PDB file of N, CA and C in Angstrom:
ATOM      1  N   MET A   1     173.584  39.847  38.235  1.00  0.00           N
ATOM      2  CA  MET A   1     171.605  39.121  37.420  1.00  0.00           C
ATOM      3  C   MET A   1     171.262  39.972  37.622  1.00  0.00           C
ATOM      4  N   THR A   2     169.320  40.594  37.553  1.00  0.00           N
ATOM      5  CA  THR A   2     168.869  40.941  37.866  1.00  0.00           C
ATOM      6  C   THR A   2     167.713  39.377  37.880  1.00  0.00           C
ATOM      7  N   GLU A   3     166.940  40.141  38.455  1.00  0.00           N
ATOM      8  CA  GLU A   3     165.618  39.000  39.083  1.00  0.00           C
ATOM      9  C   GLU A   3     164.322  39.551  37.816  1.00  0.00           C
ATOM     10  N   SER A   4     163.742  38.800  37.996  1.00  0.00           N
ATOM     11  CA  SER A   4     162.550  38.988  37.377  1.00  0.00           C
ATOM     12  C   SER A   4     161.362  39.506  38.324  1.00  0.00           C
ATOM     13  N   PRO A   5     160.175  40.599  38.189  1.00  0.00           N
ATOM     14  CA  PRO A   5     159.169  41.405  39.343  1.00  0.00           C
ATOM     15  C   PRO A   5     158.501  40.075  39.338  1.00  0.00           C
ATOM     16  N   GLU A   6     157.975  39.054  39.131  1.00  0.00           N
ATOM     17  CA  GLU A   6     157.425  37.954  39.477  1.00  0.00           C
ATOM     18  C   GLU A   6     158.290  37.716  40.693  1.00  0.00           C
ATOM     19  N   ARG A   7     159.015  37.466  40.916  1.00  0.00           N
ATOM     20  CA  ARG A   7     160.165  36.358  41.792  1.00  0.00           C
ATOM     21  C   ARG A   7     160.269  37.803  42.702  1.00  0.00           C
ATOM     22  N   ASP A   8     160.092  39.510  42.451  1.00  0.00           N
ATOM     23  CA  ASP A   8     159.999  39.855  43.850  1.00  0.00           C
ATOM     24  C   ASP A   8     159.007  40.152  44.437  1.00  0.00           C
ATOM     25  N   ARG A   9     157.275  39.032  44.042  1.00  0.00           N
ATOM     26  CA  ARG A   9     156.898  40.223  44.786  1.00  0.00           C
ATOM     27  C   ARG A   9     156.947  39.844  45.791  1.00  0.00           C
ATOM     28  N   ILE A  10     155.921  40.657  47.458  1.00  0.00           N
ATOM     29  CA  ILE A  10     155.757  40.610  48.522  1.00  0.00           C
ATOM     30  C   ILE A  10     154.463  40.215  49.164  1.00  0.00           C
ATOM     31  N   LEU A  11     155.071  39.247  49.507  1.00  0.00           N
ATOM     32  CA  LEU A  11     152.681  38.833  50.134  1.00  0.00           C
ATOM     33  C   LEU A  11     152.994  39.352  51.277  1.00  0.00           C
ATOM     34  N   ARG A  12     154.261  39.459  52.599  1.00  0.00           N
ATOM     35  CA  ARG A  12     153.369  40.332  53.714  1.00  0.00           C
ATOM     36  C   ARG A  12     154.704  40.829  54.396  1.00  0.00           C
ATOM     37  N   THR A  13     154.680  40.974  55.337  1.00  0.00           N
ATOM     38  CA  THR A  13     156.455  41.899  56.167  1.00  0.00           C
ATOM     39  C   THR A  13     156.008  41.971  57.286  1.00  0.00           C
ATOM     40  N   ASP A  14     156.922  41.191  57.935  1.00  0.00           N
ATOM     41  CA  ASP A  14     156.040  41.006  59.274  1.00  0.00           C
ATOM     42  C   ASP A  14     157.860  42.152  59.950  1.00  0.00           C
ATOM     43  N   SER A  15     157.947  42.563  61.380  1.00  0.00           N
ATOM     44  CA  SER A  15     158.844  42.981  62.084  1.00  0.00           C
ATOM     45  C   SER A  15     160.014  41.555  62.844  1.00  0.00           C
ATOM     46  N   VAL A  16     160.822  41.362  63.560  1.00  0.00           N
ATOM     47  CA  VAL A  16     160.861  40.565  64.078  1.00  0.00           C
ATOM     48  C   VAL A  16     162.835  40.858  64.364  1.00  0.00           C
ATOM     49  N   HIS A  17     163.395  39.964  66.222  1.00  0.00           N
ATOM     50  CA  HIS A  17     164.425  40.283  66.589  1.00  0.00           C
ATOM     51  C   HIS A  17     164.849  39.218  67.186  1.00  0.00           C
ATOM     52  N   VAL A  18     165.177  39.397  67.439  1.00  0.00           N
ATOM     53  CA  VAL A  18     166.304  37.994  67.894  1.00  0.00           C
ATOM     54  C   VAL A  18     166.924  38.755  69.573  1.00  0.00           C
ATOM     55  N   ALA A  19     166.589  38.382  71.261  1.00  0.00           N
ATOM     56  CA  ALA A  19     166.781  38.771  71.929  1.00  0.00           C
ATOM     57  C   ALA A  19     168.275  38.629  72.324  1.00  0.00           C
ATOM     58  N   PRO A  20     169.000  39.474  73.003  1.00  0.00           N
ATOM     59  CA  PRO A  20     170.078  39.236  73.800  1.00  0.00           C
ATOM     60  C   PRO A  20     171.072  37.368  74.429  1.00  0.00           C
ATOM     61  N   ARG A  21     169.129  37.528  74.874  1.00  0.00           N
ATOM     62  CA  ARG A  21     169.369  35.548  75.646  1.00  0.00           C
ATOM     63  C   ARG A  21     170.001  34.378  74.651  1.00  0.00           C
ATOM     64  N   PHE A  22     169.440  34.633  72.822  1.00  0.00           N
ATOM     65  CA  PHE A  22     170.324  34.010  72.134  1.00  0.00           C
ATOM     66  C   PHE A  22     171.183  34.712  71.696  1.00  0.00           C
ATOM     67  N   SER A  23     171.772  35.037  72.312  1.00  0.00           N
ATOM     68  CA  SER A  23     173.457  34.619  71.514  1.00  0.00           C
ATOM     69  C   SER A  23     173.997  33.615  71.254  1.00  0.00           C
ATOM     70  N   GLY A  24     174.690  34.259  70.752  1.00  0.00           N
ATOM     71  CA  GLY A  24     175.882  32.945  69.636  1.00  0.00           C
ATOM     72  C   GLY A  24     176.784  33.299  69.808  1.00  0.00           C
ATOM     73  N   PRO A  25     178.282  34.374  68.599  1.00  0.00           N
ATOM     74  CA  PRO A  25     179.382  34.806  68.607  1.00  0.00           C
ATOM     75  C   PRO A  25     178.611  36.210  68.845  1.00  0.00           C
ATOM     76  N   PRO A  26     180.509  36.677  69.280  1.00  0.00           N
ATOM     77  CA  PRO A  26     179.531  37.920  70.342  1.00  0.00           C
ATOM     78  C   PRO A  26     178.690  39.258  69.470  1.00  0.00           C
ATOM     79  N   GLY A  27     177.788  39.943  70.361  1.00  0.00           N
ATOM     80  CA  GLY A  27     176.865  40.521  69.206  1.00  0.00           C
ATOM     81  C   GLY A  27     176.190  39.971  68.152  1.00  0.00           C
ATOM     82  N   PHE A  28     176.334  39.256  67.783  1.00  0.00           N
ATOM     83  CA  PHE A  28     175.330  38.469  67.245  1.00  0.00           C
ATOM     84  C   PHE A  28     174.836  37.971  67.920  1.00  0.00           C
ATOM     85  N   GLY A  29     173.212  36.974  67.299  1.00  0.00           N
ATOM     86  CA  GLY A  29     172.137  35.504  66.789  1.00  0.00           C
ATOM     87  C   GLY A  29     172.641  34.706  66.821  1.00  0.00           C
ATOM     88  N   HIS A  30     172.090  33.383  67.955  1.00  0.00           N
ATOM     89  CA  HIS A  30     172.408  31.881  67.494  1.00  0.00           C
ATOM     90  C   HIS A  30     171.904  31.401  66.389  1.00  0.00           C
ATOM     91  N   GLY A  31     173.457  30.481  65.467  1.00  0.00           N
ATOM     92  CA  GLY A  31     172.831  30.919  63.960  1.00  0.00           C
ATOM     93  C   GLY A  31     171.338  29.991  63.644  1.00  0.00           C
ATOM     94  N   GLY A  32     171.176  28.518  64.975  1.00  0.00           N
ATOM     95  CA  GLY A  32     170.006  27.982  64.559  1.00  0.00           C
ATOM     96  C   GLY A  32     168.731  29.495  64.485  1.00  0.00           C
ATOM     97  N   TYR A  33     169.197  29.242  66.361  1.00  0.00           N
ATOM     98  CA  TYR A  33     167.913  30.361  66.478  1.00  0.00           C
ATOM     99  C   TYR A  33     167.158  31.613  65.648  1.00  0.00           C
ATOM    100  N   SER A  34     167.946  32.151  65.039  1.00  0.00           N
ATOM    101  CA  SER A  34     167.964  32.748  64.108  1.00  0.00           C
ATOM    102  C   SER A  34     167.657  32.266  62.997  1.00  0.00           C
ATOM    103  N   ALA A  35     167.682  30.743  62.718  1.00  0.00           N
ATOM    104  CA  ALA A  35     167.212  30.362  61.224  1.00  0.00           C
ATOM    105  C   ALA A  35     166.015  29.959  61.223  1.00  0.00           C
ATOM    106  N   ALA A  36     166.149  29.781  62.935  1.00  0.00           N
ATOM    107  CA  ALA A  36     164.058  29.022  63.411  1.00  0.00           C
ATOM    108  C   ALA A  36     163.523  30.167  63.065  1.00  0.00           C
ATOM    109  N   LEU A  37     163.665  31.527  63.644  1.00  0.00           N
ATOM    110  CA  LEU A  37     162.939  32.576  63.588  1.00  0.00           C
ATOM    111  C   LEU A  37     162.906  32.699  61.983  1.00  0.00           C
ATOM    112  N   ALA A  38     163.475  33.045  60.742  1.00  0.00           N
ATOM    113  CA  ALA A  38     163.763  32.801  59.369  1.00  0.00           C
ATOM    114  C   ALA A  38     162.534  32.072  58.737  1.00  0.00           C
ATOM    115  N   ALA A  39     162.268  31.082  59.200  1.00  0.00           N
ATOM    116  CA  ALA A  39     161.641  29.863  59.100  1.00  0.00           C
ATOM    117  C   ALA A  39     160.000  29.884  60.119  1.00  0.00           C
ATOM    118  N   GLN A  40     159.999  30.894  60.554  1.00  0.00           N
ATOM    119  CA  GLN A  40     158.422  30.592  61.325  1.00  0.00           C
ATOM    120  C   GLN A  40     157.203  30.787  60.809  1.00  0.00           C
ATOM    121  N   PRO A  41     157.578  31.176  59.486  1.00  0.00           N
ATOM    122  CA  PRO A  41     156.060  31.949  58.665  1.00  0.00           C
ATOM    123  C   PRO A  41     155.943  30.176  57.821  1.00  0.00           C
ATOM    124  N   LEU A  42     156.719  29.680  58.444  1.00  0.00           N
ATOM    125  CA  LEU A  42     156.203  28.386  57.068  1.00  0.00           C
ATOM    126  C   LEU A  42     156.379  27.884  56.813  1.00  0.00           C
ATOM    127  N   GLU A  43     155.782  26.370  56.580  1.00  0.00           N
ATOM    128  CA  GLU A  43     155.286  24.945  56.692  1.00  0.00           C
ATOM    129  C   GLU A  43     156.506  24.157  56.565  1.00  0.00           C
ATOM    130  N   GLY A  44     156.263  22.777  57.089  1.00  0.00           N
ATOM    131  CA  GLY A  44     157.079  21.913  56.286  1.00  0.00           C
ATOM    132  C   GLY A  44     158.539  21.616  56.445  1.00  0.00           C
ATOM    133  N   ALA A  45     159.179  20.787  55.552  1.00  0.00           N
ATOM    134  CA  ALA A  45     160.719  21.314  55.905  1.00  0.00           C
ATOM    135  C   ALA A  45     161.741  22.664  55.111  1.00  0.00           C
ATOM    136  N   VAL A  46     161.978  23.186  56.131  1.00  0.00           N
ATOM    137  CA  VAL A  46     163.101  25.081  54.808  1.00  0.00           C
ATOM    138  C   VAL A  46     164.278  24.248  55.065  1.00  0.00           C
ATOM    139  N   ALA A  47     165.120  24.734  54.056  1.00  0.00           N
ATOM    140  CA  ALA A  47     166.073  25.024  53.635  1.00  0.00           C
ATOM    141  C   ALA A  47     166.820  26.897  54.443  1.00  0.00           C
ATOM    142  N   VAL A  48     167.232  27.087  55.507  1.00  0.00           N
ATOM    143  CA  VAL A  48     167.257  29.039  55.740  1.00  0.00           C
ATOM    144  C   VAL A  48     169.366  28.943  55.525  1.00  0.00           C
ATOM    145  N   ASP A  49     168.915  29.821  55.119  1.00  0.00           N
ATOM    146  CA  ASP A  49     170.687  30.322  54.373  1.00  0.00           C
ATOM    147  C   ASP A  49     170.963  31.658  55.570  1.00  0.00           C
ATOM    148  N   LEU A  50     171.509  31.738  56.426  1.00  0.00           N
ATOM    149  CA  LEU A  50     172.220  32.918  57.092  1.00  0.00           C
ATOM    150  C   LEU A  50     173.514  33.648  55.921  1.00  0.00           C
ATOM    151  N   ARG A  51     173.200  34.753  55.253  1.00  0.00           N
ATOM    152  CA  ARG A  51     174.322  35.490  54.726  1.00  0.00           C
ATOM    153  C   ARG A  51     175.426  36.408  55.166  1.00  0.00           C
ATOM    154  N   ARG A  52     174.369  36.370  57.207  1.00  0.00           N
ATOM    155  CA  ARG A  52     175.049  37.462  57.414  1.00  0.00           C
ATOM    156  C   ARG A  52     175.260  37.395  58.684  1.00  0.00           C
ATOM    157  N   PRO A  53     176.434  37.570  59.767  1.00  0.00           N
ATOM    158  CA  PRO A  53     175.536  38.113  61.278  1.00  0.00           C
ATOM    159  C   PRO A  53     174.615  38.408  61.267  1.00  0.00           C
ATOM    160  N   VAL A  54     173.404  37.460  61.956  1.00  0.00           N
ATOM    161  CA  VAL A  54     172.304  38.656  62.634  1.00  0.00           C
ATOM    162  C   VAL A  54     171.886  39.412  64.242  1.00  0.00           C
ATOM    163  N   PRO A  55     172.332  40.164  64.015  1.00  0.00           N
ATOM    164  CA  PRO A  55     172.461  41.180  65.531  1.00  0.00           C
ATOM    165  C   PRO A  55     171.835  41.141  65.943  1.00  0.00           C
ATOM    166  N   LEU A  56     171.594  40.850  67.372  1.00  0.00           N
ATOM    167  CA  LEU A  56     170.595  41.390  68.415  1.00  0.00           C
ATOM    168  C   LEU A  56     170.305  42.454  68.812  1.00  0.00           C
ATOM    169  N   GLY A  57     168.768  41.590  69.521  1.00  0.00           N
ATOM    170  CA  GLY A  57     167.835  43.155  69.981  1.00  0.00           C
ATOM    171  C   GLY A  57     167.975  44.078  68.781  1.00  0.00           C
ATOM    172  N   ARG A  58     167.992  44.477  67.625  1.00  0.00           N
ATOM    173  CA  ARG A  58     166.861  45.083  66.840  1.00  0.00           C
ATOM    174  C   ARG A  58     166.010  44.462  66.530  1.00  0.00           C
ATOM    175  N   PRO A  59     164.796  45.595  65.750  1.00  0.00           N
ATOM    176  CA  PRO A  59     164.041  44.562  64.663  1.00  0.00           C
ATOM    177  C   PRO A  59     165.080  44.596  63.650  1.00  0.00           C
ATOM    178  N   LEU A  60     163.988  43.247  62.825  1.00  0.00           N
ATOM    179  CA  LEU A  60     164.445  43.371  61.230  1.00  0.00           C
ATOM    180  C   LEU A  60     163.219  43.029  60.738  1.00  0.00           C
ATOM    181  N   ARG A  61     163.890  43.453  59.144  1.00  0.00           N
ATOM    182  CA  ARG A  61     162.101  43.120  58.877  1.00  0.00           C
ATOM    183  C   ARG A  61     162.207  41.911  57.850  1.00  0.00           C
ATOM    184  N   ARG A  62     161.138  40.785  58.341  1.00  0.00           N
ATOM    185  CA  ARG A  62     160.963  39.610  57.563  1.00  0.00           C
ATOM    186  C   ARG A  62     159.653  39.718  56.454  1.00  0.00           C
ATOM    187  N   ASN A  63     160.986  39.839  55.094  1.00  0.00           N
ATOM    188  CA  ASN A  63     159.833  39.834  54.025  1.00  0.00           C
ATOM    189  C   ASN A  63     159.167  37.849  53.529  1.00  0.00           C
ATOM    190  N   VAL A  64     157.813  37.564  53.783  1.00  0.00           N
ATOM    191  CA  VAL A  64     157.735  36.393  52.711  1.00  0.00           C
ATOM    192  C   VAL A  64     156.654  36.855  50.912  1.00  0.00           C
ATOM    193  N   MET A  65     158.046  35.440  50.865  1.00  0.00           N
ATOM    194  CA  MET A  65     157.752  36.293  49.132  1.00  0.00           C
ATOM    195  C   MET A  65     156.632  35.459  47.950  1.00  0.00           C
ATOM    196  N   GLU A  66     155.983  36.083  47.407  1.00  0.00           N
ATOM    197  CA  GLU A  66     155.064  35.029  46.538  1.00  0.00           C
ATOM    198  C   GLU A  66     155.638  33.427  46.119  1.00  0.00           C
ATOM    199  N   ASP A  67     157.124  33.736  45.588  1.00  0.00           N
ATOM    200  CA  ASP A  67     157.715  31.819  45.223  1.00  0.00           C
ATOM    201  C   ASP A  67     157.524  31.322  46.505  1.00  0.00           C
ATOM    202  N   GLY A  68     157.801  31.201  47.783  1.00  0.00           N
ATOM    203  CA  GLY A  68     158.098  31.235  48.575  1.00  0.00           C
ATOM    204  C   GLY A  68     158.986  31.069  48.996  1.00  0.00           C
ATOM    205  N   ARG A  69     160.070  31.600  49.080  1.00  0.00           N
ATOM    206  CA  ARG A  69     160.931  32.553  50.002  1.00  0.00           C
ATOM    207  C   ARG A  69     160.630  33.502  51.265  1.00  0.00           C
ATOM    208  N   VAL A  70     161.930  33.641  52.307  1.00  0.00           N
ATOM    209  CA  VAL A  70     161.359  34.379  53.043  1.00  0.00           C
ATOM    210  C   VAL A  70     162.389  34.958  53.122  1.00  0.00           C
ATOM    211  N   GLU A  71     162.952  36.050  53.303  1.00  0.00           N
ATOM    212  CA  GLU A  71     164.088  36.911  53.084  1.00  0.00           C
ATOM    213  C   GLU A  71     163.432  37.692  54.509  1.00  0.00           C
TER     214      GLU A  71
END
């Protein structure tokens, strides 16, 4: 399935990382902390879907999309 160009517009990009002290499963970030870090730029109640384990201690790109999503 192809996304529409309007849905893919990025408003801003930044970099975040999960510090090793916030580990969950061995070598990966704790799910609750990682979800909160992903949702940080948003206001109000949000739902977070972590589709892969979040790596520890390395920069991760966070895109805030025009349609309100964060990837």
